[in-house]
Amino acid sequence: MKILLAGILGGIAMFIWTSIAHLVLPLGEAGIGEIPNESAVLSAMQSNIGDQTGLYIFPGLGVGKNATRQEKNEAMKQIAAKAASGPSGLLMYHPTRPFTFGKWMGIEFGTELLEAILVVFLLGQTRIASFAGRVGFVFVAGILAAIATNVSYWNWYGFPSVYIGSYMLIQIAGFFVVGIVAALVLRKDAVVA
């Protein structure tokens, strides 16, 4: 029961931290800019993409959905030249998307609550008894979580380094906060393993 309580309180603390990081500190906006001449670019997207929500990469292979493996392999050889001589990137496109801030915050809270409960459950399976050891365990789990997707986005898709660094910092600090809460709630007498 103490593990669940520690996870819930840790999740609440993580949500408070990430809210501060995004709404008060500049970390949530680091590396993100607005499109110059936005109306012209949006008009071109609407004309060419239309109502097909999706995640698009460019330059694309240009071979179509039913291409053979050989056609895809040949097209892959041209991607490097295309990227070197023109724009490249990743585009998440929605033709329209209702602004549902409350729903998005609820999903974010649920996600962080689940992360905290899971990492505290893992902590509870160890024999770590010291405060620093417990905080350290959760902190390292946060580093793993931050590396898992962020570095790949930087490496493969060219996400800005400042964006990646900021989001990794937000996540690692969030897990650190969970570690402190869990270490306080669980104390030495709550070792489950």
Foldseek 3Di string as FASTA:
>chain_A
DLLLVLLQVLLVLLLVLLCCLCPPNCLVCWQDDDDPVVVVVLVVCCVPVNADFDKDWPPDLPPDDPDDPVSSVVSVVCRVVRVVVDPTAIDGDHNDDDDDPVVVSVVVSVVSSVLSSVQSVVLLQDLDADLVVQLVSLLVVLLVVLCVPLVVCCVPGVRDPSNSVSVSVSSSVSSSSSSNSSCVSCHRVNRND
